[in-house]
């Protein structure tokens, strides 16, 4: 089956008050202090088994994003690690959010965001295997190289029943002091490996809470009602503490923001809530996963089951 079948009309944008209050903690950071994170989730439900890829991070100067981990669960809440891939495997200075995909042919893919050492550049490498366990020994290959002018990372990958779609955050590198700026760009592919860029899906709104940059976190394919949750920030000082907004498709691969402010945020300052992903359930409703700021300033990975 496709990684997220289309359409998914039973999935609606989440209700903000329940999103935090009803959630359970799936994965805690290894160290309870700012800069230590467990998050960047990407989830799949295949034949009744939950699979969750996540990024583990230490503070700047202590390793940053040191690993991507894929874990397994029977209930979507209690996970056990199955595969871990470290940044050295990719020759990377840091790893960011992965994208876990189960292809229509039944194979597994892990798209890994890799920081080029000594630069502000990012690229995306792909691991592919017949089983999740075999991702541990799969050979990485670069599928989104970026360029000298742009870094690319944090892909969201969906199959629409016809072709593969990808939305990634793209960071201009022309100003070395402002590489946190980002737009979300759309690409398509016949095989999920060779991608063609189609244009900007969403950019920040000048003067708004998301002016500095926007990054798609999840996309729900529903024909002319397709929508996305995205991470946004107003200024460079909010880097790593983005909050979550809502955007809807308006045609030609473009999206428009909904509302005047973020839809979701942590109750704990500086209120970061980002990288939300959703999996529709066969019987209705959906399970959400997201990364959020805790009271101690660290980030944890949480999940919540909602009716739609």
C-alpha atoms as a PDB file:
ATOM      1  CA  UNK A   1       0.000   0.000   0.000  1.00  0.00           C
ATOM      2  CA  UNK A   2       1.175   3.594  -0.470  1.00  0.00           C
ATOM      3  CA  UNK A   3       2.863   5.210   2.520  1.00  0.00           C
ATOM      4  CA  UNK A   4      -0.207   7.403   3.105  1.00  0.00           C
ATOM      5  CA  UNK A   5      -3.089   6.276   0.885  1.00  0.00           C
ATOM      6  CA  UNK A   6      -5.046   8.926  -1.003  1.00  0.00           C
ATOM      7  CA  UNK A   7      -7.578  10.190  -0.292  1.00  0.00           C
ATOM      8  CA  UNK A   8      -7.514  10.422   3.518  1.00  0.00           C
ATOM      9  CA  UNK A   9     -10.717  12.401   3.979  1.00  0.00           C
ATOM     10  CA  UNK A  10     -11.354  11.003   7.467  1.00  0.00           C
ATOM     11  CA  UNK A  11      -8.356  12.937   8.809  1.00  0.00           C
ATOM     12  CA  UNK A  12      -9.146  16.490   9.855  1.00  0.00           C
ATOM     13  CA  UNK A  13      -6.851  19.187  11.242  1.00  0.00           C
ATOM     14  CA  UNK A  14      -6.290  18.525  14.946  1.00  0.00           C
ATOM     15  CA  UNK A  15      -8.123  20.155  17.843  1.00  0.00           C
ATOM     16  CA  UNK A  16      -5.608  22.275  19.713  1.00  0.00           C
ATOM     17  CA  UNK A  17      -6.742  21.726  23.308  1.00  0.00           C
ATOM     18  CA  UNK A  18      -6.766  17.928  23.025  1.00  0.00           C
ATOM     19  CA  UNK A  19      -3.499  17.795  21.093  1.00  0.00           C
ATOM     20  CA  UNK A  20      -1.459  18.463  24.240  1.00  0.00           C
ATOM     21  CA  UNK A  21      -3.753  17.442  27.096  1.00  0.00           C
ATOM     22  CA  UNK A  22      -4.533  13.949  25.795  1.00  0.00           C
ATOM     23  CA  UNK A  23      -1.016  13.104  24.578  1.00  0.00           C
ATOM     24  CA  UNK A  24       1.408  10.491  25.912  1.00  0.00           C
ATOM     25  CA  UNK A  25       5.204  10.675  25.849  1.00  0.00           C
ATOM     26  CA  UNK A  26       6.720   8.189  23.401  1.00  0.00           C
ATOM     27  CA  UNK A  27      10.416   9.090  23.663  1.00  0.00           C
ATOM     28  CA  UNK A  28      12.321  11.312  26.076  1.00  0.00           C
ATOM     29  CA  UNK A  29      15.636  13.082  25.408  1.00  0.00           C
ATOM     30  CA  UNK A  30      18.715  11.516  26.947  1.00  0.00           C
ATOM     31  CA  UNK A  31      19.541  14.673  28.925  1.00  0.00           C
ATOM     32  CA  UNK A  32      16.972  17.018  30.562  1.00  0.00           C
ATOM     33  CA  UNK A  33      18.247  20.397  29.351  1.00  0.00           C
ATOM     34  CA  UNK A  34      17.820  22.776  26.401  1.00  0.00           C
ATOM     35  CA  UNK A  35      19.377  21.526  23.175  1.00  0.00           C
ATOM     36  CA  UNK A  36      18.734  17.873  24.038  1.00  0.00           C
ATOM     37  CA  UNK A  37      15.936  16.524  21.858  1.00  0.00           C
ATOM     38  CA  UNK A  38      14.017  13.388  21.005  1.00  0.00           C
ATOM     39  CA  UNK A  39      11.743  14.180  18.086  1.00  0.00           C
ATOM     40  CA  UNK A  40      11.403  14.732  14.355  1.00  0.00           C
ATOM     41  CA  UNK A  41       8.950  11.804  14.068  1.00  0.00           C
ATOM     42  CA  UNK A  42       7.876  10.011  10.889  1.00  0.00           C
ATOM     43  CA  UNK A  43       5.355   7.202  11.392  1.00  0.00           C
ATOM     44  CA  UNK A  44       3.846   4.255   9.516  1.00  0.00           C
ATOM     45  CA  UNK A  45       1.170   1.670  10.342  1.00  0.00           C
ATOM     46  CA  UNK A  46       1.689  -1.476   8.270  1.00  0.00           C
ATOM     47  CA  UNK A  47      -0.259  -4.719   8.786  1.00  0.00           C
ATOM     48  CA  UNK A  48      -1.183  -3.689  12.325  1.00  0.00           C
ATOM     49  CA  UNK A  49       2.367  -2.829  13.369  1.00  0.00           C
ATOM     50  CA  UNK A  50       3.513   0.712  14.140  1.00  0.00           C
ATOM     51  CA  UNK A  51       6.878   1.937  12.920  1.00  0.00           C
ATOM     52  CA  UNK A  52       8.342   5.248  14.043  1.00  0.00           C
ATOM     53  CA  UNK A  53      11.503   6.989  12.850  1.00  0.00           C
ATOM     54  CA  UNK A  54      12.912   9.786  15.011  1.00  0.00           C
ATOM     55  CA  UNK A  55      15.949  12.008  15.430  1.00  0.00           C
ATOM     56  CA  UNK A  56      18.074  12.155  18.590  1.00  0.00           C
ATOM     57  CA  UNK A  57      20.056  15.298  19.337  1.00  0.00           C
ATOM     58  CA  UNK A  58      22.546  16.671  21.838  1.00  0.00           C
ATOM     59  CA  UNK A  59      23.296  20.379  22.401  1.00  0.00           C
ATOM     60  CA  UNK A  60      25.498  22.330  19.988  1.00  0.00           C
ATOM     61  CA  UNK A  61      29.139  21.470  20.705  1.00  0.00           C
ATOM     62  CA  UNK A  62      28.209  18.027  22.059  1.00  0.00           C
ATOM     63  CA  UNK A  63      27.183  16.201  18.892  1.00  0.00           C
ATOM     64  CA  UNK A  64      23.978  17.862  17.636  1.00  0.00           C
ATOM     65  CA  UNK A  65      21.821  15.371  15.683  1.00  0.00           C
ATOM     66  CA  UNK A  66      23.785  12.202  16.362  1.00  0.00           C
ATOM     67  CA  UNK A  67      21.356   9.471  15.219  1.00  0.00           C
ATOM     68  CA  UNK A  68      18.125   8.489  13.494  1.00  0.00           C
ATOM     69  CA  UNK A  69      16.303   5.590  15.169  1.00  0.00           C
ATOM     70  CA  UNK A  70      13.491   3.402  13.818  1.00  0.00           C
ATOM     71  CA  UNK A  71      11.323   1.733  16.477  1.00  0.00           C
ATOM     72  CA  UNK A  72       8.439  -0.752  16.535  1.00  0.00           C
ATOM     73  CA  UNK A  73       5.194  -0.869  18.527  1.00  0.00           C
ATOM     74  CA  UNK A  74       1.993  -2.868  18.781  1.00  0.00           C
ATOM     75  CA  UNK A  75      -0.081  -0.002  20.196  1.00  0.00           C
ATOM     76  CA  UNK A  76       1.459   3.209  18.800  1.00  0.00           C
ATOM     77  CA  UNK A  77       2.576   4.382  22.244  1.00  0.00           C
ATOM     78  CA  UNK A  78       5.171   1.950  23.622  1.00  0.00           C
ATOM     79  CA  UNK A  79       8.028   1.578  21.130  1.00  0.00           C
ATOM     80  CA  UNK A  80      11.161  -0.563  21.106  1.00  0.00           C
ATOM     81  CA  UNK A  81      14.167   0.445  18.959  1.00  0.00           C
ATOM     82  CA  UNK A  82      14.953  -1.775  15.967  1.00  0.00           C
ATOM     83  CA  UNK A  83      17.504   0.170  13.882  1.00  0.00           C
ATOM     84  CA  UNK A  84      19.802   3.099  14.683  1.00  0.00           C
ATOM     85  CA  UNK A  85      21.941   4.899  12.098  1.00  0.00           C
ATOM     86  CA  UNK A  86      24.520   7.441  13.247  1.00  0.00           C
ATOM     87  CA  UNK A  87      25.745  10.607  11.577  1.00  0.00           C
ATOM     88  CA  UNK A  88      29.188   9.104  10.849  1.00  0.00           C
ATOM     89  CA  UNK A  89      27.506   6.567   8.563  1.00  0.00           C
ATOM     90  CA  UNK A  90      26.696   9.474   6.218  1.00  0.00           C
ATOM     91  CA  UNK A  91      29.833  11.549   6.778  1.00  0.00           C
ATOM     92  CA  UNK A  92      27.535  14.169   8.289  1.00  0.00           C
ATOM     93  CA  UNK A  93      28.071  16.763  10.987  1.00  0.00           C
ATOM     94  CA  UNK A  94      24.474  16.332  12.124  1.00  0.00           C
ATOM     95  CA  UNK A  95      21.281  14.498  11.198  1.00  0.00           C
ATOM     96  CA  UNK A  96      17.809  16.035  11.179  1.00  0.00           C
ATOM     97  CA  UNK A  97      14.292  14.651  10.816  1.00  0.00           C
ATOM     98  CA  UNK A  98      14.067  11.405   8.791  1.00  0.00           C
ATOM     99  CA  UNK A  99      11.172  10.348   6.569  1.00  0.00           C
ATOM    100  CA  UNK A 100      10.121   6.704   6.864  1.00  0.00           C
ATOM    101  CA  UNK A 101       8.276   5.302   3.828  1.00  0.00           C
ATOM    102  CA  UNK A 102       6.688   1.946   3.009  1.00  0.00           C
ATOM    103  CA  UNK A 103       6.465   1.661  -0.769  1.00  0.00           C
ATOM    104  CA  UNK A 104       3.574   0.166  -2.774  1.00  0.00           C
ATOM    105  CA  UNK A 105       5.936  -2.740  -3.543  1.00  0.00           C
ATOM    106  CA  UNK A 106       6.416  -3.434   0.180  1.00  0.00           C
ATOM    107  CA  UNK A 107       9.945  -2.090   0.515  1.00  0.00           C
ATOM    108  CA  UNK A 108      11.187   0.292   3.206  1.00  0.00           C
ATOM    109  CA  UNK A 109      12.882   3.625   2.702  1.00  0.00           C
ATOM    110  CA  UNK A 110      14.478   6.038   5.134  1.00  0.00           C
ATOM    111  CA  UNK A 111      15.203   9.525   3.809  1.00  0.00           C
ATOM    112  CA  UNK A 112      17.913  11.055   6.022  1.00  0.00           C
ATOM    113  CA  UNK A 113      18.731  14.788   6.293  1.00  0.00           C
ATOM    114  CA  UNK A 114      22.519  15.239   6.482  1.00  0.00           C
ATOM    115  CA  UNK A 115      24.562  18.344   7.366  1.00  0.00           C
ATOM    116  CA  UNK A 116      27.739  18.783   5.329  1.00  0.00           C
ATOM    117  CA  UNK A 117      30.636  19.213   7.803  1.00  0.00           C
ATOM    118  CA  UNK A 118      32.024  22.717   8.184  1.00  0.00           C
ATOM    119  CA  UNK A 119      29.217  24.338   6.156  1.00  0.00           C
ATOM    120  CA  UNK A 120      25.577  25.419   6.450  1.00  0.00           C
ATOM    121  CA  UNK A 121      24.657  23.050   3.612  1.00  0.00           C
ATOM    122  CA  UNK A 122      22.198  20.151   3.936  1.00  0.00           C
ATOM    123  CA  UNK A 123      21.360  17.240   1.634  1.00  0.00           C
ATOM    124  CA  UNK A 124      19.067  14.186   1.796  1.00  0.00           C
ATOM    125  CA  UNK A 125      20.364  10.621   1.516  1.00  0.00           C
ATOM    126  CA  UNK A 126      18.246   7.492   1.044  1.00  0.00           C
ATOM    127  CA  UNK A 127      18.478   4.058   2.635  1.00  0.00           C
ATOM    128  CA  UNK A 128      16.322   1.316   1.062  1.00  0.00           C
ATOM    129  CA  UNK A 129      15.810  -2.330   2.037  1.00  0.00           C
ATOM    130  CA  UNK A 130      13.312  -5.190   1.988  1.00  0.00           C
ATOM    131  CA  UNK A 131      12.819  -4.978   5.777  1.00  0.00           C
ATOM    132  CA  UNK A 132      13.229  -2.334   8.435  1.00  0.00           C
ATOM    133  CA  UNK A 133      15.999  -4.344  10.046  1.00  0.00           C
ATOM    134  CA  UNK A 134      17.990  -4.367   6.787  1.00  0.00           C
ATOM    135  CA  UNK A 135      18.052  -0.563   6.711  1.00  0.00           C
ATOM    136  CA  UNK A 136      20.927  -0.923   9.188  1.00  0.00           C
ATOM    137  CA  UNK A 137      23.233  -2.167   6.427  1.00  0.00           C
ATOM    138  CA  UNK A 138      21.737  -0.471   3.354  1.00  0.00           C
ATOM    139  CA  UNK A 139      24.104   1.700   1.317  1.00  0.00           C
ATOM    140  CA  UNK A 140      23.240   5.425   1.454  1.00  0.00           C
ATOM    141  CA  UNK A 141      22.733   7.301  -1.807  1.00  0.00           C
ATOM    142  CA  UNK A 142      22.100  11.000  -2.209  1.00  0.00           C
ATOM    143  CA  UNK A 143      18.707  11.801  -3.732  1.00  0.00           C
ATOM    144  CA  UNK A 144      18.406  15.527  -2.909  1.00  0.00           C
ATOM    145  CA  UNK A 145      21.904  17.005  -3.134  1.00  0.00           C
ATOM    146  CA  UNK A 146      21.025  20.671  -2.704  1.00  0.00           C
ATOM    147  CA  UNK A 147      23.594  23.031  -4.235  1.00  0.00           C
ATOM    148  CA  UNK A 148      26.150  25.678  -3.439  1.00  0.00           C
ATOM    149  CA  UNK A 149      23.258  28.138  -3.247  1.00  0.00           C
ATOM    150  CA  UNK A 150      20.729  26.060  -1.270  1.00  0.00           C
ATOM    151  CA  UNK A 151      20.544  23.422   1.431  1.00  0.00           C
ATOM    152  CA  UNK A 152      17.652  20.938   1.470  1.00  0.00           C
ATOM    153  CA  UNK A 153      16.351  18.873   4.388  1.00  0.00           C
ATOM    154  CA  UNK A 154      13.335  17.528   6.333  1.00  0.00           C
ATOM    155  CA  UNK A 155      11.414  15.882   3.468  1.00  0.00           C
ATOM    156  CA  UNK A 156       7.770  14.842   3.738  1.00  0.00           C
ATOM    157  CA  UNK A 157       7.109  12.035   1.231  1.00  0.00           C
ATOM    158  CA  UNK A 158       3.697  10.869   0.022  1.00  0.00           C
ATOM    159  CA  UNK A 159       2.380   8.634  -2.771  1.00  0.00           C
ATOM    160  CA  UNK A 160      -0.875   9.952  -4.252  1.00  0.00           C
ATOM    161  CA  UNK A 161      -1.809   6.724  -6.051  1.00  0.00           C
ATOM    162  CA  UNK A 162      -0.209   8.002  -9.247  1.00  0.00           C
ATOM    163  CA  UNK A 163       3.221   9.400  -8.406  1.00  0.00           C
ATOM    164  CA  UNK A 164       5.482  10.304  -5.505  1.00  0.00           C
ATOM    165  CA  UNK A 165       5.320  13.781  -3.986  1.00  0.00           C
ATOM    166  CA  UNK A 166       7.897  15.379  -1.728  1.00  0.00           C
ATOM    167  CA  UNK A 167       7.908  18.625   0.222  1.00  0.00           C
ATOM    168  CA  UNK A 168      11.223  19.746   1.697  1.00  0.00           C
ATOM    169  CA  UNK A 169      12.536  22.789   3.526  1.00  0.00           C
ATOM    170  CA  UNK A 170      14.985  24.682   1.335  1.00  0.00           C
ATOM    171  CA  UNK A 171      17.453  27.123   2.908  1.00  0.00           C
ATOM    172  CA  UNK A 172      19.214  29.846   0.874  1.00  0.00           C
ATOM    173  CA  UNK A 173      22.946  29.973   1.592  1.00  0.00           C
ATOM    174  CA  UNK A 174      23.734  33.409   0.153  1.00  0.00           C
ATOM    175  CA  UNK A 175      24.001  34.976   3.632  1.00  0.00           C
ATOM    176  CA  UNK A 176      26.008  32.783   6.039  1.00  0.00           C
ATOM    177  CA  UNK A 177      24.390  34.532   9.001  1.00  0.00           C
ATOM    178  CA  UNK A 178      20.835  33.897   7.786  1.00  0.00           C
ATOM    179  CA  UNK A 179      20.763  30.282   6.627  1.00  0.00           C
ATOM    180  CA  UNK A 180      17.863  29.550   8.978  1.00  0.00           C
ATOM    181  CA  UNK A 181      15.521  31.187   6.429  1.00  0.00           C
ATOM    182  CA  UNK A 182      13.433  28.573   4.649  1.00  0.00           C
ATOM    183  CA  UNK A 183      10.594  27.910   2.246  1.00  0.00           C
ATOM    184  CA  UNK A 184       8.814  24.655   1.509  1.00  0.00           C
ATOM    185  CA  UNK A 185       9.440  23.431  -2.043  1.00  0.00           C
ATOM    186  CA  UNK A 186       7.494  20.712  -3.879  1.00  0.00           C
ATOM    187  CA  UNK A 187       8.969  17.920  -6.012  1.00  0.00           C
ATOM    188  CA  UNK A 188       7.527  14.909  -7.839  1.00  0.00           C
ATOM    189  CA  UNK A 189       8.964  11.570  -8.907  1.00  0.00           C
ATOM    190  CA  UNK A 190       7.892   8.389 -10.701  1.00  0.00           C
ATOM    191  CA  UNK A 191       9.962   6.222  -8.349  1.00  0.00           C
ATOM    192  CA  UNK A 192      10.677   8.221  -5.168  1.00  0.00           C
ATOM    193  CA  UNK A 193      14.373   8.416  -6.069  1.00  0.00           C
ATOM    194  CA  UNK A 194      14.817  10.816  -9.009  1.00  0.00           C
ATOM    195  CA  UNK A 195      13.018  14.068  -8.176  1.00  0.00           C
ATOM    196  CA  UNK A 196      11.904  17.045 -10.249  1.00  0.00           C
ATOM    197  CA  UNK A 197      11.352  20.326  -8.430  1.00  0.00           C
ATOM    198  CA  UNK A 198       7.947  21.895  -9.200  1.00  0.00           C
ATOM    199  CA  UNK A 199       8.085  25.176  -7.296  1.00  0.00           C
ATOM    200  CA  UNK A 200       7.377  26.793  -3.947  1.00  0.00           C
ATOM    201  CA  UNK A 201       4.509  25.222  -2.016  1.00  0.00           C
ATOM    202  CA  UNK A 202       4.582  27.732   0.865  1.00  0.00           C
ATOM    203  CA  UNK A 203       6.619  30.728   1.995  1.00  0.00           C
ATOM    204  CA  UNK A 204       6.398  32.805   5.142  1.00  0.00           C
ATOM    205  CA  UNK A 205       4.029  35.752   5.472  1.00  0.00           C
ATOM    206  CA  UNK A 206       5.882  39.072   5.938  1.00  0.00           C
ATOM    207  CA  UNK A 207       5.209  40.603   9.335  1.00  0.00           C
ATOM    208  CA  UNK A 208       3.526  37.450  10.633  1.00  0.00           C
ATOM    209  CA  UNK A 209       4.433  34.740  13.159  1.00  0.00           C
ATOM    210  CA  UNK A 210       5.926  32.621  10.322  1.00  0.00           C
ATOM    211  CA  UNK A 211       7.764  35.397   8.455  1.00  0.00           C
ATOM    212  CA  UNK A 212      11.281  33.964   8.851  1.00  0.00           C
ATOM    213  CA  UNK A 213      10.518  30.553   7.413  1.00  0.00           C
ATOM    214  CA  UNK A 214       8.071  27.692   6.932  1.00  0.00           C
ATOM    215  CA  UNK A 215       8.630  23.937   6.811  1.00  0.00           C
ATOM    216  CA  UNK A 216       5.957  21.332   6.040  1.00  0.00           C
ATOM    217  CA  UNK A 217       5.597  18.773   8.812  1.00  0.00           C
ATOM    218  CA  UNK A 218       2.833  16.584   7.365  1.00  0.00           C
ATOM    219  CA  UNK A 219       0.611  16.551   4.287  1.00  0.00           C
ATOM    220  CA  UNK A 220      -2.864  14.983   4.143  1.00  0.00           C
ATOM    221  CA  UNK A 221      -3.854  14.143   0.559  1.00  0.00           C
ATOM    222  CA  UNK A 222      -7.566  14.666   0.036  1.00  0.00           C
ATOM    223  CA  UNK A 223      -8.098  15.817  -3.538  1.00  0.00           C
ATOM    224  CA  UNK A 224      -9.083  19.462  -3.693  1.00  0.00           C
ATOM    225  CA  UNK A 225      -9.162  19.525   0.130  1.00  0.00           C
ATOM    226  CA  UNK A 226      -5.517  18.585   0.620  1.00  0.00           C
ATOM    227  CA  UNK A 227      -3.963  20.319   3.612  1.00  0.00           C
ATOM    228  CA  UNK A 228      -0.723  20.455   5.565  1.00  0.00           C
ATOM    229  CA  UNK A 229       0.616  21.300   8.990  1.00  0.00           C
ATOM    230  CA  UNK A 230       3.793  23.347   8.899  1.00  0.00           C
ATOM    231  CA  UNK A 231       6.446  24.668  11.277  1.00  0.00           C
ATOM    232  CA  UNK A 232       6.933  28.428  11.306  1.00  0.00           C
ATOM    233  CA  UNK A 233       9.026  31.072  13.013  1.00  0.00           C
ATOM    234  CA  UNK A 234       8.988  34.858  13.025  1.00  0.00           C
ATOM    235  CA  UNK A 235      12.696  35.511  13.587  1.00  0.00           C
ATOM    236  CA  UNK A 236      16.075  33.785  13.731  1.00  0.00           C
ATOM    237  CA  UNK A 237      15.841  33.670  17.528  1.00  0.00           C
ATOM    238  CA  UNK A 238      12.963  31.197  17.231  1.00  0.00           C
ATOM    239  CA  UNK A 239      15.087  28.686  15.320  1.00  0.00           C
ATOM    240  CA  UNK A 240      14.571  25.217  16.847  1.00  0.00           C
ATOM    241  CA  UNK A 241      11.437  26.372  18.682  1.00  0.00           C
ATOM    242  CA  UNK A 242       8.998  26.627  15.794  1.00  0.00           C
ATOM    243  CA  UNK A 243       5.259  26.407  16.338  1.00  0.00           C
ATOM    244  CA  UNK A 244       2.724  24.671  14.090  1.00  0.00           C
ATOM    245  CA  UNK A 245       0.397  26.296  11.563  1.00  0.00           C
ATOM    246  CA  UNK A 246      -2.238  25.079   9.098  1.00  0.00           C
ATOM    247  CA  UNK A 247      -2.165  25.502   5.304  1.00  0.00           C
ATOM    248  CA  UNK A 248      -4.519  24.332   2.560  1.00  0.00           C
ATOM    249  CA  UNK A 249      -3.853  23.519  -1.097  1.00  0.00           C
ATOM    250  CA  UNK A 250      -5.009  26.223  -3.509  1.00  0.00           C
ATOM    251  CA  UNK A 251      -3.923  24.687  -6.832  1.00  0.00           C
ATOM    252  CA  UNK A 252      -0.797  24.310  -8.970  1.00  0.00           C
ATOM    253  CA  UNK A 253       1.084  22.773  -6.039  1.00  0.00           C
ATOM    254  CA  UNK A 254       0.708  25.909  -3.924  1.00  0.00           C
ATOM    255  CA  UNK A 255      -0.663  26.201  -0.399  1.00  0.00           C
ATOM    256  CA  UNK A 256      -2.104  29.135   1.555  1.00  0.00           C
ATOM    257  CA  UNK A 257      -1.921  29.649   5.303  1.00  0.00           C
ATOM    258  CA  UNK A 258      -5.063  29.464   7.451  1.00  0.00           C
ATOM    259  CA  UNK A 259      -5.573  31.805  10.416  1.00  0.00           C
ATOM    260  CA  UNK A 260      -3.553  34.659  11.862  1.00  0.00           C
ATOM    261  CA  UNK A 261      -1.370  32.654  14.220  1.00  0.00           C
ATOM    262  CA  UNK A 262      -0.108  29.171  15.066  1.00  0.00           C
ATOM    263  CA  UNK A 263      -2.612  26.353  15.488  1.00  0.00           C
ATOM    264  CA  UNK A 264      -0.504  24.323  17.930  1.00  0.00           C
ATOM    265  CA  UNK A 265       2.205  25.120  20.463  1.00  0.00           C
ATOM    266  CA  UNK A 266       3.659  23.759  23.698  1.00  0.00           C
ATOM    267  CA  UNK A 267       2.457  25.304  26.965  1.00  0.00           C
ATOM    268  CA  UNK A 268       6.095  25.527  28.055  1.00  0.00           C
ATOM    269  CA  UNK A 269       8.185  28.553  26.948  1.00  0.00           C
ATOM    270  CA  UNK A 270       9.413  29.139  24.298  1.00  0.00           C
ATOM    271  CA  UNK A 271       6.420  27.037  23.178  1.00  0.00           C
ATOM    272  CA  UNK A 272       8.030  24.922  20.468  1.00  0.00           C
ATOM    273  CA  UNK A 273       5.793  22.266  18.849  1.00  0.00           C
ATOM    274  CA  UNK A 274       6.965  20.969  15.494  1.00  0.00           C
ATOM    275  CA  UNK A 275       7.429  18.067  13.079  1.00  0.00           C
ATOM    276  CA  UNK A 276       3.856  16.783  13.567  1.00  0.00           C
ATOM    277  CA  UNK A 277       3.047  13.639  11.582  1.00  0.00           C
ATOM    278  CA  UNK A 278      -0.279  11.816  11.232  1.00  0.00           C
ATOM    279  CA  UNK A 279      -1.349   8.274  10.406  1.00  0.00           C
ATOM    280  CA  UNK A 280      -5.037   7.628   9.574  1.00  0.00           C
ATOM    281  CA  UNK A 281      -6.516   4.581  11.308  1.00  0.00           C
ATOM    282  CA  UNK A 282      -8.434   1.881   9.403  1.00  0.00           C
ATOM    283  CA  UNK A 283     -11.488   2.238  11.657  1.00  0.00           C
ATOM    284  CA  UNK A 284     -11.501   6.042  11.617  1.00  0.00           C
ATOM    285  CA  UNK A 285      -9.631   8.691  13.520  1.00  0.00           C
ATOM    286  CA  UNK A 286      -5.910   9.262  13.431  1.00  0.00           C
ATOM    287  CA  UNK A 287      -2.795   8.985  15.560  1.00  0.00           C
ATOM    288  CA  UNK A 288      -0.517  12.013  15.690  1.00  0.00           C
ATOM    289  CA  UNK A 289       3.157  12.230  16.625  1.00  0.00           C
ATOM    290  CA  UNK A 290       5.043  15.449  17.327  1.00  0.00           C
ATOM    291  CA  UNK A 291       8.084  17.014  18.991  1.00  0.00           C
ATOM    292  CA  UNK A 292       7.534  19.610  21.718  1.00  0.00           C
ATOM    293  CA  UNK A 293       9.337  21.717  24.306  1.00  0.00           C
ATOM    294  CA  UNK A 294       9.185  20.500  27.926  1.00  0.00           C
ATOM    295  CA  UNK A 295       9.255  22.554  31.105  1.00  0.00           C
ATOM    296  CA  UNK A 296      13.038  22.004  31.409  1.00  0.00           C
ATOM    297  CA  UNK A 297      13.676  23.270  27.853  1.00  0.00           C
ATOM    298  CA  UNK A 298      14.464  19.860  26.351  1.00  0.00           C
ATOM    299  CA  UNK A 299      12.278  18.371  23.585  1.00  0.00           C
ATOM    300  CA  UNK A 300      10.300  15.136  23.849  1.00  0.00           C
ATOM    301  CA  UNK A 301       8.377  13.054  21.316  1.00  0.00           C
ATOM    302  CA  UNK A 302       4.650  12.777  22.044  1.00  0.00           C
ATOM    303  CA  UNK A 303       1.628  11.013  20.529  1.00  0.00           C
ATOM    304  CA  UNK A 304      -2.119  11.591  20.687  1.00  0.00           C
ATOM    305  CA  UNK A 305      -5.099   9.683  19.333  1.00  0.00           C
ATOM    306  CA  UNK A 306      -7.818  11.939  17.897  1.00  0.00           C
ATOM    307  CA  UNK A 307     -11.222  11.218  16.391  1.00  0.00           C
ATOM    308  CA  UNK A 308     -10.339  12.709  13.039  1.00  0.00           C
END
